[in-house]
Amino acid sequence: MSLQWTAVACFLYAEIAVDLILCVPFISAPRWRLVFSWRIWKWLSPYWSKCFFTMVMVLLVLFLDAAREVHKYSSPESMHEAQVNANLLDHLHLKLFRAQRNLYISGFSLFLWLVTRRVVTVLKQMAVTVEDNAGLQAQTESVARAANRHQEDNRALKQALLAEEQAIAEENHQLQLETKSLSRQLKMAKEAVHKSHAEVDTMRRQTQGMEKEYERLLKEHHGLQNLSDADKKVQ
């Protein structure tokens, strides 16, 4: 195996190992995000896109070259020429095997390279989703606690309003009783005033009668006195 294909095979084995590690079930996406947030990855991030597309182009060129070699050594013309010489046929089969091997190595390397990037992207998205869900769950719990507090406050307020309404109703009832009592007292006071007015009128009439009687008696007295004076003069 030549040096370039040895490097591609090592790259393929490394990709398989990395993908297996990334697919380990007991390592969660948030932990992978912590790993991806290391300083070395931040330092390599400006070069990551260029490196990725460069490897894609290299692997694609190697894949196309291997496909060309497979087509070359599996063509009917090459097989027809190799059938003339047995040694040439074995050599052709050997080259065809190597070309197919290189095709598989480069093809799987390219495929796993794309899969690795996609897996890393999905893990990052899953980590963000998990963190967002945790934040949303915390917010939901906070909102639920706030709603429970509001419900308790509303119940306490309703109880306070009910107690206040009861107190107001009792106060209104007491005021009604006091109003009825005052109404009775006012009625009694009116009756007493009316009675006093009647007594005053009676006393006024009696006084007027007494004045008339006094005037009458006074006139009789003057008349009698005049008669008495007249008798004295006659004597």
C-alpha atoms as a PDB file:
ATOM      1  CA  MET A   1       0.000   0.000   0.000  1.00  0.00           C
ATOM      2  CA  SER A   2       1.397   3.364  -0.971  1.00  0.00           C
ATOM      3  CA  LEU A   3       1.936   6.190   1.541  1.00  0.00           C
ATOM      4  CA  GLN A   4      -1.148   8.180   0.541  1.00  0.00           C
ATOM      5  CA  TRP A   5      -3.480   5.224   0.844  1.00  0.00           C
ATOM      6  CA  THR A   6      -1.893   4.229   4.137  1.00  0.00           C
ATOM      7  CA  ALA A   7      -2.657   7.754   5.381  1.00  0.00           C
ATOM      8  CA  VAL A   8      -6.242   7.491   4.076  1.00  0.00           C
ATOM      9  CA  ALA A   9      -6.677   4.109   5.806  1.00  0.00           C
ATOM     10  CA  CYS A  10      -5.368   5.540   9.102  1.00  0.00           C
ATOM     11  CA  PHE A  11      -7.704   8.490   8.660  1.00  0.00           C
ATOM     12  CA  LEU A  12     -10.589   6.038   8.119  1.00  0.00           C
ATOM     13  CA  TYR A  13      -9.714   4.095  11.271  1.00  0.00           C
ATOM     14  CA  ALA A  14      -9.501   7.343  13.213  1.00  0.00           C
ATOM     15  CA  GLU A  15     -12.920   8.383  11.898  1.00  0.00           C
ATOM     16  CA  ILE A  16     -14.414   5.038  12.928  1.00  0.00           C
ATOM     17  CA  ALA A  17     -12.961   5.424  16.441  1.00  0.00           C
ATOM     18  CA  VAL A  18     -14.185   9.011  16.767  1.00  0.00           C
ATOM     19  CA  ASP A  19     -17.682   8.103  15.557  1.00  0.00           C
ATOM     20  CA  LEU A  20     -17.859   5.177  17.972  1.00  0.00           C
ATOM     21  CA  ILE A  21     -16.813   7.462  20.834  1.00  0.00           C
ATOM     22  CA  LEU A  22     -19.359  10.093  19.781  1.00  0.00           C
ATOM     23  CA  CYS A  23     -22.076   7.444  19.730  1.00  0.00           C
ATOM     24  CA  VAL A  24     -21.333   6.198  23.244  1.00  0.00           C
ATOM     25  CA  PRO A  25     -24.753   6.326  24.968  1.00  0.00           C
ATOM     26  CA  PHE A  26     -23.655   7.227  28.521  1.00  0.00           C
ATOM     27  CA  ILE A  27     -21.950  10.475  27.416  1.00  0.00           C
ATOM     28  CA  SER A  28     -24.671  13.100  27.154  1.00  0.00           C
ATOM     29  CA  ALA A  29     -24.827  15.938  24.661  1.00  0.00           C
ATOM     30  CA  PRO A  30     -24.157  18.654  27.307  1.00  0.00           C
ATOM     31  CA  ARG A  31     -20.907  16.875  28.218  1.00  0.00           C
ATOM     32  CA  TRP A  32     -19.889  16.793  24.582  1.00  0.00           C
ATOM     33  CA  ARG A  33     -20.647  20.490  24.406  1.00  0.00           C
ATOM     34  CA  LEU A  34     -18.296  21.053  27.324  1.00  0.00           C
ATOM     35  CA  VAL A  35     -15.642  19.097  25.412  1.00  0.00           C
ATOM     36  CA  PHE A  36     -16.294  21.109  22.250  1.00  0.00           C
ATOM     37  CA  SER A  37     -15.975  24.337  24.240  1.00  0.00           C
ATOM     38  CA  TRP A  38     -12.353  23.655  25.149  1.00  0.00           C
ATOM     39  CA  ARG A  39      -9.877  26.365  24.305  1.00  0.00           C
ATOM     40  CA  ILE A  40      -8.121  24.266  21.648  1.00  0.00           C
ATOM     41  CA  TRP A  41     -11.319  23.965  19.615  1.00  0.00           C
ATOM     42  CA  LYS A  42     -11.895  27.702  19.877  1.00  0.00           C
ATOM     43  CA  TRP A  43      -8.357  28.207  18.605  1.00  0.00           C
ATOM     44  CA  LEU A  44      -8.977  25.810  15.688  1.00  0.00           C
ATOM     45  CA  SER A  45     -12.473  27.080  14.881  1.00  0.00           C
ATOM     46  CA  PRO A  46     -11.329  29.760  12.363  1.00  0.00           C
ATOM     47  CA  TYR A  47      -9.554  27.033  10.359  1.00  0.00           C
ATOM     48  CA  TRP A  48     -12.188  24.328  10.757  1.00  0.00           C
ATOM     49  CA  SER A  49     -14.262  25.152   7.681  1.00  0.00           C
ATOM     50  CA  LYS A  50     -11.217  25.383   5.436  1.00  0.00           C
ATOM     51  CA  CYS A  51      -9.845  22.120   6.825  1.00  0.00           C
ATOM     52  CA  PHE A  52     -13.183  20.373   6.378  1.00  0.00           C
ATOM     53  CA  PHE A  53     -13.654  21.397   2.759  1.00  0.00           C
ATOM     54  CA  THR A  54      -9.998  20.670   2.003  1.00  0.00           C
ATOM     55  CA  MET A  55     -10.369  17.111   3.317  1.00  0.00           C
ATOM     56  CA  VAL A  56     -13.597  16.734   1.353  1.00  0.00           C
ATOM     57  CA  MET A  57     -11.841  17.779  -1.837  1.00  0.00           C
ATOM     58  CA  VAL A  58      -8.826  15.509  -1.160  1.00  0.00           C
ATOM     59  CA  LEU A  59     -10.976  12.480  -0.374  1.00  0.00           C
ATOM     60  CA  LEU A  60     -13.226  13.204  -3.334  1.00  0.00           C
ATOM     61  CA  VAL A  61     -10.218  13.379  -5.669  1.00  0.00           C
ATOM     62  CA  LEU A  62      -8.859  10.123  -4.249  1.00  0.00           C
ATOM     63  CA  PHE A  63     -12.294   8.527  -4.594  1.00  0.00           C
ATOM     64  CA  LEU A  64     -12.598   9.613  -8.219  1.00  0.00           C
ATOM     65  CA  ASP A  65      -9.034   8.414  -8.927  1.00  0.00           C
ATOM     66  CA  ALA A  66      -9.819   5.052  -7.352  1.00  0.00           C
ATOM     67  CA  ALA A  67     -13.051   4.837  -9.361  1.00  0.00           C
ATOM     68  CA  ARG A  68     -11.078   5.612 -12.511  1.00  0.00           C
ATOM     69  CA  GLU A  69      -8.585   2.868 -11.659  1.00  0.00           C
ATOM     70  CA  VAL A  70     -11.399   0.369 -11.038  1.00  0.00           C
ATOM     71  CA  HIS A  71     -12.982   1.274 -14.343  1.00  0.00           C
ATOM     72  CA  LYS A  72      -9.629   1.045 -16.056  1.00  0.00           C
ATOM     73  CA  TYR A  73      -8.729  -2.420 -14.782  1.00  0.00           C
ATOM     74  CA  SER A  74     -12.256  -3.825 -15.093  1.00  0.00           C
ATOM     75  CA  SER A  75     -12.840  -2.715 -18.664  1.00  0.00           C
ATOM     76  CA  PRO A  76     -13.374  -5.428 -21.287  1.00  0.00           C
ATOM     77  CA  GLU A  77     -10.271  -4.301 -23.258  1.00  0.00           C
ATOM     78  CA  SER A  78      -7.969  -4.823 -20.274  1.00  0.00           C
ATOM     79  CA  MET A  79      -9.505  -8.183 -19.481  1.00  0.00           C
ATOM     80  CA  HIS A  80      -9.196  -9.276 -23.103  1.00  0.00           C
ATOM     81  CA  GLU A  81      -5.516  -8.312 -23.202  1.00  0.00           C
ATOM     82  CA  ALA A  82      -4.859 -10.094 -19.877  1.00  0.00           C
ATOM     83  CA  GLN A  83      -6.406 -13.325 -21.021  1.00  0.00           C
ATOM     84  CA  VAL A  84      -3.511 -13.805 -23.456  1.00  0.00           C
ATOM     85  CA  ASN A  85      -0.950 -14.047 -20.643  1.00  0.00           C
ATOM     86  CA  ALA A  86      -1.732 -15.717 -17.306  1.00  0.00           C
ATOM     87  CA  ASN A  87       0.849 -13.651 -15.431  1.00  0.00           C
ATOM     88  CA  LEU A  88      -0.640 -10.478 -16.875  1.00  0.00           C
ATOM     89  CA  LEU A  89      -4.105 -11.622 -15.753  1.00  0.00           C
ATOM     90  CA  ASP A  90      -2.915 -12.148 -12.173  1.00  0.00           C
ATOM     91  CA  HIS A  91      -1.246  -8.738 -12.239  1.00  0.00           C
ATOM     92  CA  LEU A  92      -4.454  -7.174 -13.561  1.00  0.00           C
ATOM     93  CA  HIS A  93      -6.532  -8.822 -10.826  1.00  0.00           C
ATOM     94  CA  LEU A  94      -4.062  -7.562  -8.228  1.00  0.00           C
ATOM     95  CA  LYS A  95      -4.316  -4.003  -9.525  1.00  0.00           C
ATOM     96  CA  LEU A  96      -8.103  -4.288  -9.719  1.00  0.00           C
ATOM     97  CA  PHE A  97      -8.213  -5.491  -6.104  1.00  0.00           C
ATOM     98  CA  ARG A  98      -6.024  -2.602  -4.975  1.00  0.00           C
ATOM     99  CA  ALA A  99      -8.156  -0.120  -6.945  1.00  0.00           C
ATOM    100  CA  GLN A 100     -11.347  -1.482  -5.383  1.00  0.00           C
ATOM    101  CA  ARG A 101      -9.739  -1.418  -1.934  1.00  0.00           C
ATOM    102  CA  ASN A 102      -8.687   2.185  -2.480  1.00  0.00           C
ATOM    103  CA  LEU A 103     -12.189   3.000  -3.722  1.00  0.00           C
ATOM    104  CA  TYR A 104     -13.776   1.581  -0.578  1.00  0.00           C
ATOM    105  CA  ILE A 105     -11.248   3.252   1.712  1.00  0.00           C
ATOM    106  CA  SER A 106     -11.637   6.682   0.117  1.00  0.00           C
ATOM    107  CA  GLY A 107     -15.412   6.328  -0.206  1.00  0.00           C
ATOM    108  CA  PHE A 108     -15.948   5.314   3.402  1.00  0.00           C
ATOM    109  CA  SER A 109     -13.484   7.969   4.579  1.00  0.00           C
ATOM    110  CA  LEU A 110     -15.427  10.646   2.709  1.00  0.00           C
ATOM    111  CA  PHE A 111     -18.730   9.307   3.979  1.00  0.00           C
ATOM    112  CA  LEU A 112     -17.580   9.092   7.616  1.00  0.00           C
ATOM    113  CA  TRP A 113     -16.011  12.557   7.369  1.00  0.00           C
ATOM    114  CA  LEU A 114     -19.398  13.989   6.445  1.00  0.00           C
ATOM    115  CA  VAL A 115     -21.113  11.834   9.075  1.00  0.00           C
ATOM    116  CA  THR A 116     -18.663  12.979  11.768  1.00  0.00           C
ATOM    117  CA  ARG A 117     -19.387  16.627  11.056  1.00  0.00           C
ATOM    118  CA  ARG A 118     -23.108  15.955  11.094  1.00  0.00           C
ATOM    119  CA  VAL A 119     -22.882  14.038  14.374  1.00  0.00           C
ATOM    120  CA  VAL A 120     -20.902  16.870  15.995  1.00  0.00           C
ATOM    121  CA  THR A 121     -23.470  19.405  14.754  1.00  0.00           C
ATOM    122  CA  VAL A 122     -26.366  17.293  16.030  1.00  0.00           C
ATOM    123  CA  LEU A 123     -24.684  16.879  19.428  1.00  0.00           C
ATOM    124  CA  LYS A 124     -24.246  20.649  19.706  1.00  0.00           C
ATOM    125  CA  GLN A 125     -27.871  21.211  18.743  1.00  0.00           C
ATOM    126  CA  MET A 126     -29.000  18.563  21.214  1.00  0.00           C
ATOM    127  CA  ALA A 127     -26.944  20.205  23.959  1.00  0.00           C
ATOM    128  CA  VAL A 128     -28.489  23.594  23.172  1.00  0.00           C
ATOM    129  CA  THR A 129     -31.935  21.987  23.093  1.00  0.00           C
ATOM    130  CA  VAL A 130     -31.348  20.264  26.429  1.00  0.00           C
ATOM    131  CA  GLU A 131     -30.161  23.524  28.001  1.00  0.00           C
ATOM    132  CA  ASP A 132     -33.117  25.393  26.508  1.00  0.00           C
ATOM    133  CA  ASN A 133     -35.475  22.715  27.802  1.00  0.00           C
ATOM    134  CA  ALA A 134     -33.861  22.952  31.225  1.00  0.00           C
ATOM    135  CA  GLY A 135     -34.260  26.735  31.127  1.00  0.00           C
ATOM    136  CA  LEU A 136     -37.850  26.415  29.954  1.00  0.00           C
ATOM    137  CA  GLN A 137     -38.547  23.847  32.653  1.00  0.00           C
ATOM    138  CA  ALA A 138     -37.055  26.161  35.267  1.00  0.00           C
ATOM    139  CA  GLN A 139     -39.151  29.037  33.907  1.00  0.00           C
ATOM    140  CA  THR A 140     -42.222  26.794  33.883  1.00  0.00           C
ATOM    141  CA  GLU A 141     -41.604  25.789  37.480  1.00  0.00           C
ATOM    142  CA  SER A 142     -41.065  29.433  38.402  1.00  0.00           C
ATOM    143  CA  VAL A 143     -44.287  30.415  36.626  1.00  0.00           C
ATOM    144  CA  ALA A 144     -46.101  27.541  38.340  1.00  0.00           C
ATOM    145  CA  ARG A 145     -44.812  28.652  41.739  1.00  0.00           C
ATOM    146  CA  ALA A 146     -45.806  32.239  40.963  1.00  0.00           C
ATOM    147  CA  ALA A 147     -49.247  31.032  39.844  1.00  0.00           C
ATOM    148  CA  ASN A 148     -49.613  29.037  43.071  1.00  0.00           C
ATOM    149  CA  ARG A 149     -48.610  32.087  45.078  1.00  0.00           C
ATOM    150  CA  HIS A 150     -51.124  34.194  43.149  1.00  0.00           C
ATOM    151  CA  GLN A 151     -53.815  31.584  43.766  1.00  0.00           C
ATOM    152  CA  GLU A 152     -53.012  31.557  47.471  1.00  0.00           C
ATOM    153  CA  ASP A 153     -53.054  35.351  47.503  1.00  0.00           C
ATOM    154  CA  ASN A 154     -56.381  35.323  45.662  1.00  0.00           C
ATOM    155  CA  ARG A 155     -57.824  32.838  48.155  1.00  0.00           C
ATOM    156  CA  ALA A 156     -56.556  34.945  51.047  1.00  0.00           C
ATOM    157  CA  LEU A 157     -57.985  38.059  49.396  1.00  0.00           C
ATOM    158  CA  LYS A 158     -61.307  36.331  48.825  1.00  0.00           C
ATOM    159  CA  GLN A 159     -61.394  35.238  52.453  1.00  0.00           C
ATOM    160  CA  ALA A 160     -60.533  38.771  53.565  1.00  0.00           C
ATOM    161  CA  LEU A 161     -63.227  40.200  51.279  1.00  0.00           C
ATOM    162  CA  LEU A 162     -65.723  37.640  52.560  1.00  0.00           C
ATOM    163  CA  ALA A 163     -64.856  38.504  56.162  1.00  0.00           C
ATOM    164  CA  GLU A 164     -65.130  42.197  55.325  1.00  0.00           C
ATOM    165  CA  GLU A 165     -68.470  41.630  53.617  1.00  0.00           C
ATOM    166  CA  GLN A 166     -69.696  39.752  56.672  1.00  0.00           C
ATOM    167  CA  ALA A 167     -68.482  42.561  58.919  1.00  0.00           C
ATOM    168  CA  ILE A 168     -70.179  45.122  56.669  1.00  0.00           C
ATOM    169  CA  ALA A 169     -73.379  43.060  56.664  1.00  0.00           C
ATOM    170  CA  GLU A 170     -73.317  42.862  60.470  1.00  0.00           C
ATOM    171  CA  GLU A 171     -72.607  46.582  60.674  1.00  0.00           C
ATOM    172  CA  ASN A 172     -75.469  47.288  58.261  1.00  0.00           C
ATOM    173  CA  HIS A 173     -77.758  45.093  60.355  1.00  0.00           C
ATOM    174  CA  GLN A 174     -76.674  46.931  63.481  1.00  0.00           C
ATOM    175  CA  LEU A 175     -77.219  50.243  61.734  1.00  0.00           C
ATOM    176  CA  GLN A 176     -80.677  49.106  60.661  1.00  0.00           C
ATOM    177  CA  LEU A 177     -81.505  48.165  64.239  1.00  0.00           C
ATOM    178  CA  GLU A 178     -80.187  51.508  65.457  1.00  0.00           C
ATOM    179  CA  THR A 179     -82.159  53.258  62.714  1.00  0.00           C
ATOM    180  CA  LYS A 180     -85.339  51.476  63.787  1.00  0.00           C
ATOM    181  CA  SER A 181     -84.643  52.355  67.396  1.00  0.00           C
ATOM    182  CA  LEU A 182     -84.013  55.986  66.488  1.00  0.00           C
ATOM    183  CA  SER A 183     -87.176  55.968  64.364  1.00  0.00           C
ATOM    184  CA  ARG A 184     -89.172  54.728  67.353  1.00  0.00           C
ATOM    185  CA  GLN A 185     -87.526  57.317  69.588  1.00  0.00           C
ATOM    186  CA  LEU A 186     -88.231  60.028  67.007  1.00  0.00           C
ATOM    187  CA  LYS A 187     -91.833  58.895  66.772  1.00  0.00           C
ATOM    188  CA  MET A 188     -92.142  58.974  70.531  1.00  0.00           C
ATOM    189  CA  ALA A 189     -90.500  62.417  70.595  1.00  0.00           C
ATOM    190  CA  LYS A 190     -92.942  63.641  67.947  1.00  0.00           C
ATOM    191  CA  GLU A 191     -95.853  62.278  69.971  1.00  0.00           C
ATOM    192  CA  ALA A 192     -94.465  63.961  73.095  1.00  0.00           C
ATOM    193  CA  VAL A 193     -94.063  67.253  71.231  1.00  0.00           C
ATOM    194  CA  HIS A 194     -97.562  66.930  69.837  1.00  0.00           C
ATOM    195  CA  LYS A 195     -98.860  66.215  73.341  1.00  0.00           C
ATOM    196  CA  SER A 196     -96.938  69.177  74.740  1.00  0.00           C
ATOM    197  CA  HIS A 197     -98.330  71.390  71.977  1.00  0.00           C
ATOM    198  CA  ALA A 198    -101.824  70.199  72.879  1.00  0.00           C
ATOM    199  CA  GLU A 199    -101.186  70.948  76.558  1.00  0.00           C
ATOM    200  CA  VAL A 200     -99.823  74.372  75.645  1.00  0.00           C
ATOM    201  CA  ASP A 201    -102.938  75.078  73.548  1.00  0.00           C
ATOM    202  CA  THR A 202    -105.141  73.943  76.434  1.00  0.00           C
ATOM    203  CA  MET A 203    -103.239  76.159  78.866  1.00  0.00           C
ATOM    204  CA  ARG A 204    -103.474  79.063  76.404  1.00  0.00           C
ATOM    205  CA  ARG A 205    -107.233  78.612  76.106  1.00  0.00           C
ATOM    206  CA  GLN A 206    -107.535  78.363  79.862  1.00  0.00           C
ATOM    207  CA  THR A 207    -105.430  81.513  80.235  1.00  0.00           C
ATOM    208  CA  GLN A 208    -107.573  83.319  77.704  1.00  0.00           C
ATOM    209  CA  GLY A 209    -110.728  82.185  79.562  1.00  0.00           C
ATOM    210  CA  MET A 210    -109.249  83.334  82.861  1.00  0.00           C
ATOM    211  CA  GLU A 211    -108.347  86.718  81.315  1.00  0.00           C
ATOM    212  CA  LYS A 212    -111.906  87.108  80.029  1.00  0.00           C
ATOM    213  CA  GLU A 213    -113.271  86.128  83.444  1.00  0.00           C
ATOM    214  CA  TYR A 214    -110.885  88.552  85.117  1.00  0.00           C
ATOM    215  CA  GLU A 215    -112.009  91.359  82.814  1.00  0.00           C
ATOM    216  CA  ARG A 216    -115.632  90.504  83.514  1.00  0.00           C
ATOM    217  CA  LEU A 217    -115.045  90.470  87.251  1.00  0.00           C
ATOM    218  CA  LEU A 218    -113.097  93.706  86.961  1.00  0.00           C
ATOM    219  CA  LYS A 219    -116.018  95.320  85.144  1.00  0.00           C
ATOM    220  CA  GLU A 220    -118.463  94.067  87.750  1.00  0.00           C
ATOM    221  CA  HIS A 221    -116.158  95.389  90.451  1.00  0.00           C
ATOM    222  CA  HIS A 222    -116.045  98.813  88.779  1.00  0.00           C
ATOM    223  CA  GLY A 223    -119.836  98.747  88.421  1.00  0.00           C
ATOM    224  CA  LEU A 224    -120.340  97.826  92.062  1.00  0.00           C
ATOM    225  CA  GLN A 225    -117.836 100.446  93.136  1.00  0.00           C
ATOM    226  CA  ASN A 226    -119.680 103.073  91.076  1.00  0.00           C
ATOM    227  CA  LEU A 227    -123.002 102.058  92.679  1.00  0.00           C
ATOM    228  CA  SER A 228    -121.451 102.260  96.093  1.00  0.00           C
ATOM    229  CA  ASP A 229    -120.098 105.748  95.411  1.00  0.00           C
ATOM    230  CA  ALA A 230    -123.503 106.846  94.104  1.00  0.00           C
ATOM    231  CA  ASP A 231    -125.247 105.561  97.268  1.00  0.00           C
ATOM    232  CA  LYS A 232    -122.798 107.412  99.438  1.00  0.00           C
ATOM    233  CA  LYS A 233    -123.497 110.638  97.611  1.00  0.00           C
ATOM    234  CA  VAL A 234    -127.275 110.197  97.999  1.00  0.00           C
ATOM    235  CA  GLN A 235    -126.982 109.771 101.713  1.00  0.00           C
END
